[in-house]
């Protein structure tokens, strides 16, 4: 299975430098769950010179819209397709975002922005939303309540299982997978 690296948020440059595509990770600390509509609002706030609802520098965004909790901290919280957020990602990385969690490959522009900003893109196991919810130790909505599951949630996670999909050099596990399929 290979060694699993344990890392914590916020991500600093030393941590990001230590990560290579394909690394298995247990992430602990605060992450911010948001999807399409929250991304749109946040980028509009940036464009209008306004403050966003959380400090983005060194932080990790999880592309997720959790389901309602039923006597638990959070409902199912699996990753959503990252490519839908690609049009917003460059702005967020330029403002200091350190990492993203989702599923699926990223566009060439996003990979270039990851390289330019020294960031990282993780993937979470798709289809494992119920399991991932067990790794969330606290959850609170912090912005855009009207968006429901697409609001911004601050999650505290413990040993959240991830794989580094794109490292700070732009090395990408999806390139390796495509080569193996030819």
N, C-alpha and C. Protein backbone atom coordinates (compact mmCIF):
# COMPACT_ATOMS: atom_id res chain seq x y z
N UNK A 1 0.82 -1.20 0.00
CA UNK A 1 0.00 0.00 0.00
C UNK A 1 0.86 1.25 0.00
N UNK A 2 2.05 1.21 0.51
CA UNK A 2 2.91 2.37 0.54
C UNK A 2 2.66 3.22 1.77
N UNK A 3 3.64 4.05 2.05
CA UNK A 3 3.57 4.93 3.22
C UNK A 3 2.53 6.03 3.01
N UNK A 4 1.79 6.32 4.07
CA UNK A 4 0.81 7.40 4.04
C UNK A 4 1.39 8.57 4.81
N UNK A 5 1.43 9.73 4.15
CA UNK A 5 1.93 10.96 4.79
C UNK A 5 0.80 11.61 5.56
N UNK A 6 1.09 12.08 6.76
CA UNK A 6 0.11 12.83 7.54
C UNK A 6 0.47 14.30 7.44
N UNK A 7 -0.50 15.10 6.99
CA UNK A 7 -0.29 16.54 6.88
C UNK A 7 -1.46 17.28 7.52
N UNK A 8 -1.24 18.57 7.83
CA UNK A 8 -2.24 19.39 8.49
C UNK A 8 -2.44 20.72 7.76
N UNK A 9 -3.63 21.24 7.89
CA UNK A 9 -3.91 22.57 7.37
C UNK A 9 -3.68 23.58 8.48
N UNK A 10 -3.42 24.84 8.12
CA UNK A 10 -3.22 25.33 6.76
C UNK A 10 -1.93 24.76 6.17
N UNK A 11 -1.90 24.65 4.84
CA UNK A 11 -0.72 24.11 4.17
C UNK A 11 0.34 25.20 4.04
N UNK A 12 1.55 24.86 4.44
CA UNK A 12 2.65 25.80 4.26
C UNK A 12 3.51 25.33 3.09
N UNK A 13 4.43 26.18 2.67
CA UNK A 13 5.27 25.87 1.49
C UNK A 13 6.09 24.60 1.71
N UNK A 14 6.60 24.40 2.92
CA UNK A 14 7.41 23.20 3.20
C UNK A 14 6.60 21.93 2.97
N UNK A 15 5.36 21.93 3.45
CA UNK A 15 4.49 20.77 3.26
C UNK A 15 4.22 20.54 1.78
N UNK A 16 3.86 21.62 1.07
CA UNK A 16 3.55 21.50 -0.36
C UNK A 16 4.77 21.00 -1.13
N UNK A 17 5.96 21.49 -0.77
CA UNK A 17 7.19 21.04 -1.44
C UNK A 17 7.43 19.55 -1.23
N UNK A 18 6.96 19.00 -0.11
CA UNK A 18 7.20 17.59 0.20
C UNK A 18 6.26 16.63 -0.54
N UNK A 19 5.22 17.16 -1.17
CA UNK A 19 4.21 16.32 -1.79
C UNK A 19 4.52 16.05 -3.26
N UNK A 20 4.36 14.81 -3.65
CA UNK A 20 4.56 14.38 -5.04
C UNK A 20 3.31 13.70 -5.55
N UNK A 21 3.05 13.85 -6.85
CA UNK A 21 1.86 13.21 -7.41
C UNK A 21 1.92 11.71 -7.12
N UNK A 22 0.77 11.17 -6.73
CA UNK A 22 0.68 9.77 -6.36
C UNK A 22 0.81 9.52 -4.87
N UNK A 23 1.30 10.50 -4.10
CA UNK A 23 1.42 10.32 -2.65
C UNK A 23 0.06 10.08 -2.03
N UNK A 24 0.02 9.17 -1.07
CA UNK A 24 -1.19 8.93 -0.28
C UNK A 24 -1.08 9.79 0.98
N UNK A 25 -2.20 10.44 1.32
CA UNK A 25 -2.21 11.45 2.38
C UNK A 25 -3.33 11.18 3.36
N UNK A 26 -3.08 11.48 4.63
CA UNK A 26 -4.12 11.67 5.62
C UNK A 26 -4.07 13.14 6.00
N UNK A 27 -5.12 13.89 5.66
CA UNK A 27 -5.18 15.32 5.94
C UNK A 27 -6.00 15.56 7.20
N UNK A 28 -5.49 16.41 8.08
CA UNK A 28 -6.22 16.81 9.29
C UNK A 28 -6.21 18.33 9.38
N UNK A 29 -7.26 18.88 9.98
CA UNK A 29 -7.36 20.32 10.15
C UNK A 29 -8.62 20.86 9.51
N UNK A 30 -8.65 22.18 9.29
CA UNK A 30 -9.82 22.83 8.71
C UNK A 30 -9.72 22.87 7.19
N UNK A 31 -10.84 22.54 6.55
CA UNK A 31 -10.97 22.68 5.10
C UNK A 31 -12.31 23.36 4.85
N UNK A 32 -12.50 23.89 3.66
CA UNK A 32 -13.72 24.62 3.34
C UNK A 32 -14.43 23.93 2.18
N UNK A 33 -15.65 23.46 2.45
CA UNK A 33 -16.44 22.76 1.44
C UNK A 33 -17.28 23.79 0.69
N UNK A 34 -17.12 23.81 -0.63
CA UNK A 34 -17.95 24.66 -1.46
C UNK A 34 -17.98 24.14 -2.88
N UNK A 35 -19.07 24.48 -3.55
CA UNK A 35 -19.28 24.02 -4.91
C UNK A 35 -19.48 25.19 -5.86
N UNK A 36 -20.06 24.91 -6.99
CA UNK A 36 -20.17 25.84 -8.11
C UNK A 36 -20.68 27.23 -7.74
N UNK A 37 -21.87 27.31 -7.14
CA UNK A 37 -22.47 28.61 -6.88
C UNK A 37 -21.69 29.42 -5.86
N UNK A 38 -21.14 28.77 -4.85
CA UNK A 38 -20.32 29.48 -3.87
C UNK A 38 -19.03 29.98 -4.53
N UNK A 39 -18.45 29.19 -5.42
CA UNK A 39 -17.27 29.64 -6.17
C UNK A 39 -17.59 30.89 -6.98
N UNK A 40 -18.73 30.87 -7.64
CA UNK A 40 -19.14 32.03 -8.43
C UNK A 40 -19.25 33.27 -7.55
N UNK A 41 -19.90 33.15 -6.42
CA UNK A 41 -20.05 34.30 -5.53
C UNK A 41 -18.71 34.80 -5.00
N UNK A 42 -17.85 33.88 -4.62
CA UNK A 42 -16.54 34.29 -4.09
C UNK A 42 -15.72 35.00 -5.15
N UNK A 43 -15.70 34.48 -6.37
CA UNK A 43 -14.92 35.16 -7.42
C UNK A 43 -15.54 36.51 -7.75
N UNK A 44 -16.86 36.64 -7.67
CA UNK A 44 -17.49 37.95 -7.87
C UNK A 44 -17.09 38.92 -6.76
N UNK A 45 -17.03 38.44 -5.52
CA UNK A 45 -16.58 39.30 -4.42
C UNK A 45 -15.15 39.79 -4.68
N UNK A 46 -14.27 38.88 -5.08
CA UNK A 46 -12.89 39.28 -5.40
C UNK A 46 -12.87 40.33 -6.50
N UNK A 47 -13.63 40.09 -7.57
CA UNK A 47 -13.65 41.02 -8.70
C UNK A 47 -14.18 42.39 -8.30
N UNK A 48 -15.06 42.43 -7.30
CA UNK A 48 -15.62 43.70 -6.84
C UNK A 48 -14.84 44.31 -5.68
N UNK A 49 -13.67 43.71 -5.36
CA UNK A 49 -12.81 44.24 -4.31
C UNK A 49 -13.36 44.06 -2.91
N UNK A 50 -14.25 43.11 -2.73
CA UNK A 50 -14.87 42.88 -1.42
C UNK A 50 -14.22 41.69 -0.72
N UNK A 51 -14.44 41.63 0.58
CA UNK A 51 -13.89 40.57 1.40
C UNK A 51 -14.71 39.29 1.24
N UNK A 52 -14.01 38.15 1.23
CA UNK A 52 -14.71 36.86 1.17
C UNK A 52 -14.90 36.33 2.59
N UNK A 53 -15.76 35.32 2.78
CA UNK A 53 -16.14 34.88 4.13
C UNK A 53 -15.08 34.09 4.91
N UNK A 54 -13.92 33.83 4.32
CA UNK A 54 -12.84 33.16 5.06
C UNK A 54 -11.52 33.58 4.44
N UNK A 55 -10.46 33.49 5.25
CA UNK A 55 -9.12 33.80 4.76
C UNK A 55 -8.67 32.65 3.88
N UNK A 56 -8.38 32.93 2.63
CA UNK A 56 -8.07 31.87 1.66
C UNK A 56 -6.60 31.45 1.67
N UNK A 57 -5.72 32.27 2.21
CA UNK A 57 -4.28 32.00 2.14
C UNK A 57 -3.90 30.74 2.92
N UNK A 58 -3.27 29.81 2.19
CA UNK A 58 -2.82 28.57 2.80
C UNK A 58 -3.92 27.54 3.03
N UNK A 59 -5.13 27.87 2.62
CA UNK A 59 -6.28 27.00 2.91
C UNK A 59 -6.51 25.97 1.80
N UNK A 60 -7.38 25.01 2.12
CA UNK A 60 -7.76 23.94 1.21
C UNK A 60 -9.27 23.99 1.02
N UNK A 61 -9.69 23.94 -0.23
CA UNK A 61 -11.11 23.88 -0.57
C UNK A 61 -11.45 22.45 -0.99
N UNK A 62 -12.59 21.98 -0.51
CA UNK A 62 -13.10 20.66 -0.85
C UNK A 62 -14.33 20.85 -1.72
N UNK A 63 -14.30 20.34 -2.94
CA UNK A 63 -15.43 20.43 -3.85
C UNK A 63 -16.48 19.41 -3.41
N UNK A 64 -17.39 19.89 -2.58
CA UNK A 64 -18.33 18.99 -1.93
C UNK A 64 -19.57 19.78 -1.53
N UNK A 65 -20.70 19.15 -1.66
CA UNK A 65 -21.95 19.68 -1.12
C UNK A 65 -22.54 18.63 -0.22
N UNK A 66 -22.31 18.74 1.07
CA UNK A 66 -22.74 17.68 1.98
C UNK A 66 -24.26 17.51 2.02
N UNK A 67 -24.67 16.29 2.26
CA UNK A 67 -26.10 16.02 2.44
C UNK A 67 -26.48 16.37 3.88
N UNK A 68 -27.78 16.54 4.15
CA UNK A 68 -28.19 16.86 5.53
C UNK A 68 -27.75 15.78 6.52
N UNK A 69 -27.38 16.23 7.69
CA UNK A 69 -26.96 15.30 8.75
C UNK A 69 -28.20 14.73 9.43
N UNK A 70 -28.12 13.46 9.77
CA UNK A 70 -29.19 12.80 10.52
C UNK A 70 -28.57 12.23 11.79
N UNK A 71 -28.64 13.00 12.87
CA UNK A 71 -28.05 12.60 14.15
C UNK A 71 -26.55 12.36 14.05
N UNK A 72 -25.91 13.11 13.15
CA UNK A 72 -24.46 13.00 12.97
C UNK A 72 -23.91 14.41 12.78
N UNK A 73 -22.61 14.53 12.72
CA UNK A 73 -21.97 15.83 12.50
C UNK A 73 -22.28 16.34 11.10
N UNK A 74 -22.25 15.44 10.13
CA UNK A 74 -22.47 15.80 8.74
C UNK A 74 -23.05 14.59 8.01
N UNK A 75 -23.80 14.84 6.95
CA UNK A 75 -24.28 13.74 6.12
C UNK A 75 -23.17 13.29 5.18
N UNK A 76 -23.53 12.53 4.20
CA UNK A 76 -22.57 12.06 3.21
C UNK A 76 -21.86 13.27 2.60
N UNK A 77 -20.55 13.15 2.42
CA UNK A 77 -19.79 14.30 1.91
C UNK A 77 -18.68 13.84 0.96
N UNK A 78 -19.11 13.23 -0.13
CA UNK A 78 -18.15 12.79 -1.13
C UNK A 78 -17.75 13.92 -2.06
N UNK A 79 -16.66 13.73 -2.80
CA UNK A 79 -16.18 14.77 -3.71
C UNK A 79 -17.07 14.91 -4.94
N UNK A 80 -17.12 16.13 -5.48
CA UNK A 80 -17.81 16.36 -6.73
C UNK A 80 -16.76 16.60 -7.83
N UNK A 81 -17.19 16.59 -9.06
CA UNK A 81 -16.28 16.72 -10.20
C UNK A 81 -15.59 18.08 -10.19
N UNK A 82 -14.28 18.04 -10.14
CA UNK A 82 -13.47 19.25 -10.02
C UNK A 82 -13.50 20.13 -11.26
N UNK A 83 -13.59 19.53 -12.42
CA UNK A 83 -13.53 20.29 -13.67
C UNK A 83 -14.57 21.40 -13.75
N UNK A 84 -15.69 21.23 -13.05
CA UNK A 84 -16.73 22.27 -13.07
C UNK A 84 -16.25 23.55 -12.38
N UNK A 85 -15.24 23.45 -11.52
CA UNK A 85 -14.72 24.61 -10.80
C UNK A 85 -13.52 25.24 -11.51
N UNK A 86 -13.08 24.63 -12.63
CA UNK A 86 -11.87 25.11 -13.31
C UNK A 86 -11.93 26.58 -13.68
N UNK A 87 -13.09 27.09 -14.07
CA UNK A 87 -13.19 28.49 -14.50
C UNK A 87 -12.99 29.47 -13.34
N UNK A 88 -13.10 29.00 -12.09
CA UNK A 88 -12.91 29.85 -10.91
C UNK A 88 -11.54 29.66 -10.25
N UNK A 89 -10.88 28.57 -10.56
CA UNK A 89 -9.71 28.15 -9.80
C UNK A 89 -8.52 29.10 -9.90
N UNK A 90 -8.24 29.62 -11.09
CA UNK A 90 -7.11 30.53 -11.25
C UNK A 90 -7.19 31.74 -10.34
N UNK A 91 -8.36 32.33 -10.22
CA UNK A 91 -8.56 33.50 -9.35
C UNK A 91 -8.25 33.13 -7.90
N UNK A 92 -8.76 32.00 -7.45
CA UNK A 92 -8.56 31.59 -6.06
C UNK A 92 -7.09 31.26 -5.77
N UNK A 93 -6.44 30.58 -6.70
CA UNK A 93 -5.02 30.28 -6.52
C UNK A 93 -4.20 31.55 -6.48
N UNK A 94 -4.52 32.51 -7.33
CA UNK A 94 -3.80 33.78 -7.33
C UNK A 94 -3.98 34.56 -6.04
N UNK A 95 -5.06 34.30 -5.31
CA UNK A 95 -5.33 34.96 -4.03
C UNK A 95 -4.73 34.21 -2.84
N UNK A 96 -4.08 33.07 -3.10
CA UNK A 96 -3.38 32.37 -2.03
C UNK A 96 -3.89 31.00 -1.65
N UNK A 97 -4.93 30.50 -2.34
CA UNK A 97 -5.41 29.15 -2.07
C UNK A 97 -4.25 28.16 -2.24
N UNK A 98 -4.09 27.25 -1.28
CA UNK A 98 -2.97 26.32 -1.32
C UNK A 98 -3.33 24.95 -1.88
N UNK A 99 -4.59 24.54 -1.74
CA UNK A 99 -4.96 23.22 -2.19
C UNK A 99 -6.43 23.07 -2.46
N UNK A 100 -6.73 22.05 -3.24
CA UNK A 100 -8.10 21.72 -3.61
C UNK A 100 -8.27 20.22 -3.51
N UNK A 101 -9.49 19.79 -3.15
CA UNK A 101 -9.83 18.38 -3.08
C UNK A 101 -11.06 18.17 -3.95
N UNK A 102 -11.04 17.13 -4.76
CA UNK A 102 -12.20 16.81 -5.59
C UNK A 102 -12.04 15.43 -6.19
N UNK A 103 -12.60 15.30 -7.39
CA UNK A 103 -12.40 14.06 -8.14
C UNK A 103 -12.25 14.43 -9.60
N UNK A 104 -11.46 13.65 -10.31
CA UNK A 104 -11.28 13.86 -11.74
C UNK A 104 -10.11 14.76 -12.08
N UNK A 105 -9.80 14.78 -13.37
CA UNK A 105 -8.66 15.55 -13.86
C UNK A 105 -8.98 17.03 -13.92
N UNK A 106 -7.93 17.85 -14.12
CA UNK A 106 -8.06 19.30 -14.21
C UNK A 106 -7.61 19.76 -15.59
N UNK A 107 -8.05 20.95 -15.97
CA UNK A 107 -7.68 21.52 -17.27
C UNK A 107 -6.20 21.91 -17.29
N UNK A 108 -5.68 22.10 -18.48
CA UNK A 108 -4.28 22.55 -18.62
C UNK A 108 -4.07 23.89 -17.96
N UNK A 109 -5.06 24.80 -18.06
CA UNK A 109 -4.95 26.11 -17.42
C UNK A 109 -4.86 25.99 -15.90
N UNK A 110 -5.65 25.11 -15.30
CA UNK A 110 -5.60 24.92 -13.86
C UNK A 110 -4.27 24.30 -13.45
N UNK A 111 -3.79 23.33 -14.20
CA UNK A 111 -2.50 22.72 -13.88
C UNK A 111 -1.39 23.78 -13.95
N UNK A 112 -1.45 24.65 -14.93
CA UNK A 112 -0.47 25.74 -15.02
C UNK A 112 -0.59 26.68 -13.83
N UNK A 113 -1.82 26.99 -13.41
CA UNK A 113 -2.03 27.86 -12.25
C UNK A 113 -1.53 27.20 -10.96
N UNK A 114 -1.69 25.88 -10.85
CA UNK A 114 -1.15 25.15 -9.70
C UNK A 114 0.37 25.31 -9.67
N UNK A 115 1.01 25.12 -10.81
CA UNK A 115 2.47 25.29 -10.91
C UNK A 115 2.88 26.71 -10.57
N UNK A 116 2.23 27.69 -11.17
CA UNK A 116 2.59 29.10 -10.99
C UNK A 116 2.44 29.56 -9.54
N UNK A 117 1.48 28.97 -8.84
CA UNK A 117 1.21 29.40 -7.47
C UNK A 117 1.75 28.45 -6.41
N UNK A 118 2.41 27.36 -6.82
CA UNK A 118 2.96 26.42 -5.85
C UNK A 118 1.89 25.77 -4.99
N UNK A 119 0.82 25.32 -5.63
CA UNK A 119 -0.30 24.72 -4.90
C UNK A 119 -0.34 23.21 -5.16
N UNK A 120 -1.42 22.58 -4.74
CA UNK A 120 -1.55 21.13 -4.89
C UNK A 120 -3.04 20.79 -5.08
N UNK A 121 -3.28 19.73 -5.84
CA UNK A 121 -4.64 19.22 -6.05
C UNK A 121 -4.70 17.77 -5.59
N UNK A 122 -5.62 17.51 -4.66
CA UNK A 122 -5.82 16.17 -4.12
C UNK A 122 -7.11 15.58 -4.69
N UNK A 123 -7.16 14.26 -4.75
CA UNK A 123 -8.42 13.59 -5.05
C UNK A 123 -8.83 12.75 -3.84
N UNK A 124 -10.15 12.73 -3.62
CA UNK A 124 -10.74 11.93 -2.55
C UNK A 124 -11.43 10.73 -3.21
N UNK A 125 -11.60 9.66 -2.48
CA UNK A 125 -12.23 8.48 -3.07
C UNK A 125 -13.69 8.74 -3.43
N UNK A 126 -13.99 8.65 -4.72
CA UNK A 126 -15.36 8.84 -5.20
C UNK A 126 -16.23 7.67 -4.75
N UNK A 127 -17.49 7.94 -4.49
CA UNK A 127 -18.41 6.89 -4.08
C UNK A 127 -18.26 6.50 -2.62
N UNK A 128 -17.50 7.28 -1.85
CA UNK A 128 -17.25 6.94 -0.45
C UNK A 128 -17.71 8.07 0.48
N UNK A 129 -18.76 8.78 0.09
CA UNK A 129 -19.23 9.92 0.87
C UNK A 129 -19.60 9.59 2.31
N UNK A 130 -20.22 8.44 2.54
CA UNK A 130 -20.59 8.05 3.90
C UNK A 130 -19.33 7.79 4.73
N UNK A 131 -18.36 7.09 4.14
CA UNK A 131 -17.10 6.84 4.83
C UNK A 131 -16.38 8.15 5.14
N UNK A 132 -16.29 9.05 4.16
CA UNK A 132 -15.60 10.32 4.36
C UNK A 132 -16.26 11.15 5.45
N UNK A 133 -17.57 11.06 5.58
CA UNK A 133 -18.28 11.82 6.62
C UNK A 133 -17.81 11.42 8.02
N UNK A 134 -17.34 10.19 8.17
CA UNK A 134 -16.83 9.73 9.46
C UNK A 134 -15.51 10.40 9.83
N UNK A 135 -14.85 11.01 8.86
CA UNK A 135 -13.58 11.69 9.09
C UNK A 135 -13.77 13.17 9.43
N UNK A 136 -15.02 13.63 9.44
CA UNK A 136 -15.34 15.02 9.76
C UNK A 136 -15.68 15.11 11.24
N UNK A 137 -14.91 15.93 11.99
CA UNK A 137 -15.13 16.05 13.43
C UNK A 137 -15.98 17.26 13.81
N UNK A 138 -16.11 18.23 12.89
CA UNK A 138 -17.03 19.35 13.11
C UNK A 138 -17.40 19.96 11.76
N UNK A 139 -18.56 20.59 11.74
CA UNK A 139 -19.07 21.20 10.51
C UNK A 139 -19.90 22.42 10.89
N UNK A 140 -19.62 23.54 10.21
CA UNK A 140 -20.49 24.70 10.41
C UNK A 140 -20.59 25.49 9.11
N UNK A 141 -21.79 25.95 8.83
CA UNK A 141 -22.01 26.78 7.66
C UNK A 141 -21.46 28.17 7.97
N UNK A 142 -20.64 28.72 7.06
CA UNK A 142 -20.08 30.04 7.34
C UNK A 142 -20.52 31.12 6.35
N UNK A 143 -21.14 30.74 5.24
CA UNK A 143 -21.56 31.77 4.28
C UNK A 143 -22.56 31.21 3.28
N UNK A 144 -23.38 32.11 2.74
CA UNK A 144 -24.32 31.82 1.64
C UNK A 144 -25.35 30.75 2.00
N UNK A 145 -25.96 30.92 3.16
CA UNK A 145 -26.96 29.96 3.65
C UNK A 145 -28.03 29.67 2.60
N UNK A 146 -28.39 30.68 1.79
CA UNK A 146 -29.43 30.50 0.79
C UNK A 146 -29.09 29.44 -0.26
N UNK A 147 -27.81 29.06 -0.34
CA UNK A 147 -27.39 28.05 -1.32
C UNK A 147 -27.57 26.62 -0.81
N UNK A 148 -28.01 26.47 0.43
CA UNK A 148 -28.22 25.12 0.97
C UNK A 148 -26.94 24.30 0.94
N UNK A 149 -26.97 23.10 0.32
CA UNK A 149 -25.77 22.27 0.31
C UNK A 149 -24.60 22.89 -0.47
N UNK A 150 -24.89 23.93 -1.26
CA UNK A 150 -23.80 24.60 -1.99
C UNK A 150 -23.27 25.82 -1.24
N UNK A 151 -23.70 26.01 0.00
CA UNK A 151 -23.17 27.07 0.85
C UNK A 151 -21.70 26.77 1.16
N UNK A 152 -21.04 27.68 1.86
CA UNK A 152 -19.66 27.45 2.29
C UNK A 152 -19.72 26.85 3.70
N UNK A 153 -19.09 25.69 3.85
CA UNK A 153 -19.01 25.01 5.13
C UNK A 153 -17.55 24.92 5.57
N UNK A 154 -17.32 25.19 6.84
CA UNK A 154 -16.00 24.94 7.42
C UNK A 154 -16.05 23.57 8.07
N UNK A 155 -15.20 22.68 7.60
CA UNK A 155 -15.13 21.32 8.14
C UNK A 155 -13.82 21.14 8.87
N UNK A 156 -13.87 20.47 9.99
CA UNK A 156 -12.65 20.01 10.67
C UNK A 156 -12.57 18.52 10.36
N UNK A 157 -11.44 18.09 9.81
CA UNK A 157 -11.27 16.69 9.42
C UNK A 157 -10.11 16.07 10.16
N UNK A 158 -10.17 14.76 10.33
CA UNK A 158 -9.10 14.01 10.98
C UNK A 158 -8.79 12.79 10.13
N UNK A 159 -7.55 12.73 9.66
CA UNK A 159 -7.08 11.61 8.82
C UNK A 159 -7.98 11.40 7.61
N UNK A 160 -8.27 12.49 6.91
CA UNK A 160 -9.09 12.46 5.70
C UNK A 160 -8.25 11.86 4.58
N UNK A 161 -8.65 10.73 3.99
CA UNK A 161 -7.80 10.01 3.03
C UNK A 161 -7.82 10.65 1.63
N UNK A 162 -6.64 10.97 1.13
CA UNK A 162 -6.50 11.63 -0.16
C UNK A 162 -5.31 11.08 -0.93
N UNK A 163 -5.27 11.40 -2.22
CA UNK A 163 -4.11 11.12 -3.06
C UNK A 163 -3.73 12.43 -3.74
N UNK A 164 -2.44 12.72 -3.83
CA UNK A 164 -1.99 13.91 -4.56
C UNK A 164 -2.14 13.61 -6.05
N UNK A 165 -3.04 14.34 -6.70
CA UNK A 165 -3.29 14.14 -8.13
C UNK A 165 -2.39 15.03 -8.97
N UNK A 166 -2.22 16.30 -8.56
CA UNK A 166 -1.33 17.24 -9.26
C UNK A 166 -0.47 17.92 -8.20
N UNK A 167 0.85 17.76 -8.33
CA UNK A 167 1.74 18.39 -7.36
C UNK A 167 2.15 19.79 -7.82
N UNK A 168 2.93 20.48 -7.01
CA UNK A 168 3.31 21.87 -7.28
C UNK A 168 4.09 22.05 -8.57
N UNK A 169 4.68 20.97 -9.09
CA UNK A 169 5.42 21.03 -10.35
C UNK A 169 4.52 20.75 -11.55
N UNK A 170 3.25 20.48 -11.30
CA UNK A 170 2.32 20.17 -12.38
C UNK A 170 2.35 18.71 -12.79
N UNK A 171 3.10 17.90 -12.06
CA UNK A 171 3.12 16.46 -12.34
C UNK A 171 1.75 15.90 -11.96
N UNK A 172 1.22 15.04 -12.82
CA UNK A 172 -0.18 14.71 -12.78
C UNK A 172 -0.39 13.20 -12.87
N UNK A 173 -1.09 12.61 -11.92
CA UNK A 173 -1.31 11.16 -11.98
C UNK A 173 -2.16 10.77 -13.18
N UNK A 174 -2.99 11.66 -13.68
CA UNK A 174 -3.83 11.33 -14.82
C UNK A 174 -3.00 11.15 -16.09
N UNK A 175 -1.89 11.87 -16.23
CA UNK A 175 -1.00 11.65 -17.36
C UNK A 175 -0.43 10.24 -17.32
N UNK A 176 -0.01 9.83 -16.13
CA UNK A 176 0.56 8.49 -15.95
C UNK A 176 -0.49 7.43 -16.25
N UNK A 177 -1.71 7.66 -15.82
CA UNK A 177 -2.79 6.67 -16.06
C UNK A 177 -3.10 6.56 -17.55
N UNK A 178 -3.10 7.70 -18.26
CA UNK A 178 -3.39 7.67 -19.69
C UNK A 178 -2.29 6.93 -20.45
N UNK A 179 -1.05 7.11 -20.04
CA UNK A 179 0.06 6.40 -20.69
C UNK A 179 -0.08 4.89 -20.51
N UNK A 180 -0.54 4.46 -19.33
CA UNK A 180 -0.69 3.04 -19.06
C UNK A 180 -1.85 2.42 -19.81
N UNK A 181 -2.79 3.22 -20.27
CA UNK A 181 -3.97 2.71 -20.97
C UNK A 181 -3.76 2.61 -22.48
N UNK A 182 -2.68 3.13 -22.98
CA UNK A 182 -2.45 3.13 -24.44
C UNK A 182 -1.88 1.82 -24.91
